[in-house]
N, C-alpha and C. Protein backbone atom coordinates (compact mmCIF):
# COMPACT_ATOMS: atom_id res chain seq x y z
N MET A 1 -11.97 -52.02 -11.44
CA MET A 1 -10.95 -51.26 -10.80
C MET A 1 -10.12 -50.61 -11.92
N GLU A 2 -9.69 -49.40 -11.66
CA GLU A 2 -9.03 -48.64 -12.69
C GLU A 2 -7.69 -48.07 -12.08
N ASN A 3 -6.67 -48.16 -12.79
CA ASN A 3 -5.38 -47.55 -12.35
C ASN A 3 -5.16 -46.36 -13.24
N THR A 4 -5.31 -45.11 -12.66
CA THR A 4 -5.27 -43.94 -13.48
C THR A 4 -4.00 -43.17 -13.24
N THR A 5 -3.60 -42.39 -14.19
CA THR A 5 -2.41 -41.52 -13.95
C THR A 5 -2.87 -40.05 -13.82
N GLU A 6 -4.17 -39.84 -13.90
CA GLU A 6 -4.69 -38.49 -13.77
C GLU A 6 -4.85 -38.10 -12.30
N THR A 7 -4.79 -39.02 -11.41
CA THR A 7 -4.96 -38.76 -9.99
C THR A 7 -3.76 -37.94 -9.50
N THR A 8 -4.05 -37.07 -8.59
CA THR A 8 -3.00 -36.24 -7.99
C THR A 8 -1.86 -37.14 -7.38
N LYS A 9 -0.65 -36.77 -7.73
CA LYS A 9 0.52 -37.55 -7.33
C LYS A 9 0.67 -37.45 -5.80
N LEU A 10 0.95 -38.64 -5.24
CA LEU A 10 1.17 -38.72 -3.80
C LEU A 10 2.44 -38.00 -3.41
N LEU A 11 2.46 -37.37 -2.26
CA LEU A 11 3.57 -36.56 -1.79
C LEU A 11 4.30 -37.29 -0.68
N VAL A 12 5.47 -36.84 -0.36
CA VAL A 12 6.23 -37.40 0.76
C VAL A 12 5.43 -37.28 2.06
N SER A 13 4.61 -36.25 2.16
CA SER A 13 3.83 -36.04 3.37
C SER A 13 2.64 -36.95 3.47
N ASP A 14 2.27 -37.63 2.38
CA ASP A 14 1.19 -38.65 2.43
C ASP A 14 1.69 -39.90 3.09
N ARG A 15 1.00 -40.37 4.11
CA ARG A 15 1.47 -41.49 4.94
C ARG A 15 0.50 -42.68 4.85
N CYS A 16 1.06 -43.88 5.00
CA CYS A 16 0.32 -45.12 5.05
C CYS A 16 -0.61 -45.11 6.19
N ASP A 17 -1.89 -45.48 5.97
CA ASP A 17 -2.87 -45.55 7.08
C ASP A 17 -2.61 -46.66 8.04
N VAL A 18 -1.81 -47.62 7.64
CA VAL A 18 -1.50 -48.73 8.55
C VAL A 18 -0.31 -48.52 9.41
N CYS A 19 0.83 -48.07 8.80
CA CYS A 19 2.07 -48.02 9.52
C CYS A 19 2.74 -46.64 9.57
N GLY A 20 2.27 -45.70 8.79
CA GLY A 20 2.79 -44.35 8.85
C GLY A 20 3.96 -44.10 7.92
N ALA A 21 4.42 -45.13 7.18
CA ALA A 21 5.43 -44.98 6.15
C ALA A 21 4.95 -44.15 5.00
N GLN A 22 5.82 -43.71 4.14
CA GLN A 22 5.40 -42.93 2.99
C GLN A 22 4.45 -43.71 2.12
N ALA A 23 3.35 -43.06 1.72
CA ALA A 23 2.32 -43.78 0.94
C ALA A 23 2.69 -43.79 -0.55
N TYR A 24 2.55 -44.86 -1.21
CA TYR A 24 2.76 -45.03 -2.65
C TYR A 24 1.54 -45.50 -3.35
N MET A 25 0.45 -45.81 -2.58
CA MET A 25 -0.78 -46.27 -3.16
C MET A 25 -1.98 -45.56 -2.56
N ARG A 26 -2.88 -45.17 -3.49
CA ARG A 26 -4.15 -44.54 -3.00
C ARG A 26 -5.26 -45.40 -3.55
N VAL A 27 -6.16 -45.82 -2.61
CA VAL A 27 -7.29 -46.68 -2.96
C VAL A 27 -8.59 -45.90 -2.73
N GLN A 28 -9.31 -45.69 -3.79
CA GLN A 28 -10.57 -44.98 -3.69
C GLN A 28 -11.71 -45.94 -3.54
N LEU A 29 -12.44 -45.88 -2.44
CA LEU A 29 -13.58 -46.68 -2.15
C LEU A 29 -14.80 -45.83 -2.16
N ALA A 30 -16.02 -46.41 -2.13
CA ALA A 30 -17.26 -45.67 -2.12
C ALA A 30 -17.30 -44.73 -0.90
N GLY A 31 -16.74 -45.16 0.17
CA GLY A 31 -16.84 -44.42 1.45
C GLY A 31 -15.66 -43.51 1.73
N GLY A 32 -14.70 -43.41 0.81
CA GLY A 32 -13.52 -42.59 1.05
C GLY A 32 -12.28 -43.24 0.41
N GLU A 33 -11.11 -42.78 0.90
CA GLU A 33 -9.93 -43.31 0.38
C GLU A 33 -8.95 -43.84 1.45
N LEU A 34 -8.11 -44.74 1.07
CA LEU A 34 -7.08 -45.30 1.92
C LEU A 34 -5.75 -45.02 1.27
N LEU A 35 -4.73 -44.77 2.11
CA LEU A 35 -3.38 -44.62 1.62
C LEU A 35 -2.54 -45.75 2.18
N PHE A 36 -1.69 -46.30 1.36
CA PHE A 36 -0.86 -47.42 1.78
C PHE A 36 0.57 -47.25 1.28
N CYS A 37 1.51 -47.76 2.06
CA CYS A 37 2.90 -47.92 1.56
C CYS A 37 2.79 -49.10 0.61
N ALA A 38 3.88 -49.32 -0.14
CA ALA A 38 3.89 -50.39 -1.13
C ALA A 38 3.59 -51.78 -0.43
N HIS A 39 4.15 -52.01 0.70
CA HIS A 39 4.06 -53.28 1.38
C HIS A 39 2.58 -53.51 1.79
N HIS A 40 1.95 -52.57 2.45
CA HIS A 40 0.56 -52.77 2.86
C HIS A 40 -0.41 -52.68 1.74
N GLY A 41 -0.11 -51.90 0.72
CA GLY A 41 -0.95 -51.88 -0.49
C GLY A 41 -1.02 -53.26 -1.17
N ASN A 42 0.14 -53.83 -1.34
CA ASN A 42 0.20 -55.14 -1.99
C ASN A 42 -0.43 -56.22 -1.07
N ALA A 43 -0.20 -56.13 0.24
CA ALA A 43 -0.75 -57.07 1.14
C ALA A 43 -2.30 -57.10 1.19
N ASN A 44 -2.89 -55.91 0.95
CA ASN A 44 -4.40 -55.78 1.01
C ASN A 44 -5.04 -55.69 -0.28
N LYS A 45 -4.29 -55.78 -1.41
CA LYS A 45 -4.86 -55.58 -2.76
C LYS A 45 -5.95 -56.62 -3.08
N ALA A 46 -5.69 -57.86 -2.84
CA ALA A 46 -6.69 -58.97 -3.21
C ALA A 46 -8.03 -58.79 -2.39
N LYS A 47 -7.93 -58.33 -1.17
CA LYS A 47 -9.13 -58.12 -0.39
C LYS A 47 -9.89 -56.90 -0.85
N LEU A 48 -9.21 -55.87 -1.23
CA LEU A 48 -9.84 -54.59 -1.58
C LEU A 48 -10.29 -54.52 -3.04
N GLU A 49 -9.66 -55.26 -3.95
CA GLU A 49 -9.98 -55.16 -5.36
C GLU A 49 -11.50 -55.23 -5.69
N PRO A 50 -12.25 -56.10 -5.01
CA PRO A 50 -13.72 -56.20 -5.38
C PRO A 50 -14.49 -54.95 -5.06
N ILE A 51 -14.04 -54.09 -4.12
CA ILE A 51 -14.80 -52.95 -3.73
C ILE A 51 -14.10 -51.64 -4.08
N THR A 52 -13.02 -51.69 -4.84
CA THR A 52 -12.24 -50.51 -5.20
C THR A 52 -12.79 -49.84 -6.44
N LEU A 53 -12.93 -48.51 -6.36
CA LEU A 53 -13.39 -47.73 -7.47
C LEU A 53 -12.17 -47.32 -8.34
N GLU A 54 -11.07 -46.99 -7.66
CA GLU A 54 -9.85 -46.58 -8.38
C GLU A 54 -8.66 -46.96 -7.54
N TRP A 55 -7.59 -47.45 -8.22
CA TRP A 55 -6.35 -47.80 -7.56
C TRP A 55 -5.21 -47.04 -8.18
N HIS A 56 -4.60 -46.13 -7.42
CA HIS A 56 -3.47 -45.35 -7.90
C HIS A 56 -2.23 -45.91 -7.30
N ASP A 57 -1.33 -46.42 -8.15
CA ASP A 57 -0.13 -47.10 -7.68
C ASP A 57 1.13 -46.32 -8.13
N GLN A 58 1.85 -45.77 -7.25
CA GLN A 58 3.08 -45.06 -7.54
C GLN A 58 4.32 -45.82 -7.02
N SER A 59 4.18 -47.07 -6.76
CA SER A 59 5.27 -47.83 -6.22
C SER A 59 6.45 -47.94 -7.15
N SER A 60 6.25 -47.66 -8.44
CA SER A 60 7.37 -47.67 -9.38
C SER A 60 8.39 -46.60 -9.05
N ASP A 61 7.95 -45.57 -8.31
CA ASP A 61 8.89 -44.52 -7.82
C ASP A 61 10.00 -45.05 -6.90
N LEU A 62 9.67 -46.22 -6.25
CA LEU A 62 10.67 -46.81 -5.39
C LEU A 62 11.92 -47.27 -6.10
N ASN A 63 11.81 -47.61 -7.37
CA ASN A 63 12.91 -48.12 -8.18
C ASN A 63 13.75 -47.02 -8.80
N GLN A 64 13.37 -45.79 -8.66
CA GLN A 64 14.11 -44.72 -9.24
C GLN A 64 15.15 -44.19 -8.28
N ALA A 65 16.35 -43.92 -8.78
CA ALA A 65 17.42 -43.48 -7.91
C ALA A 65 17.44 -41.96 -7.84
């Protein structure tokens, strides 16, 4: 699993596939990608890590004022 900074930055219009909140994580899988808010990304990380090709985490943006 790789956490890259070269991935296109997530926008306010990118929404979590679970709850519809703003997405801060993009998970690239062999079959496509999933977008998650920080809560759902962290909640599913352990399950998805073994099959993840790339994990883009922008949740540090939440701490910026």
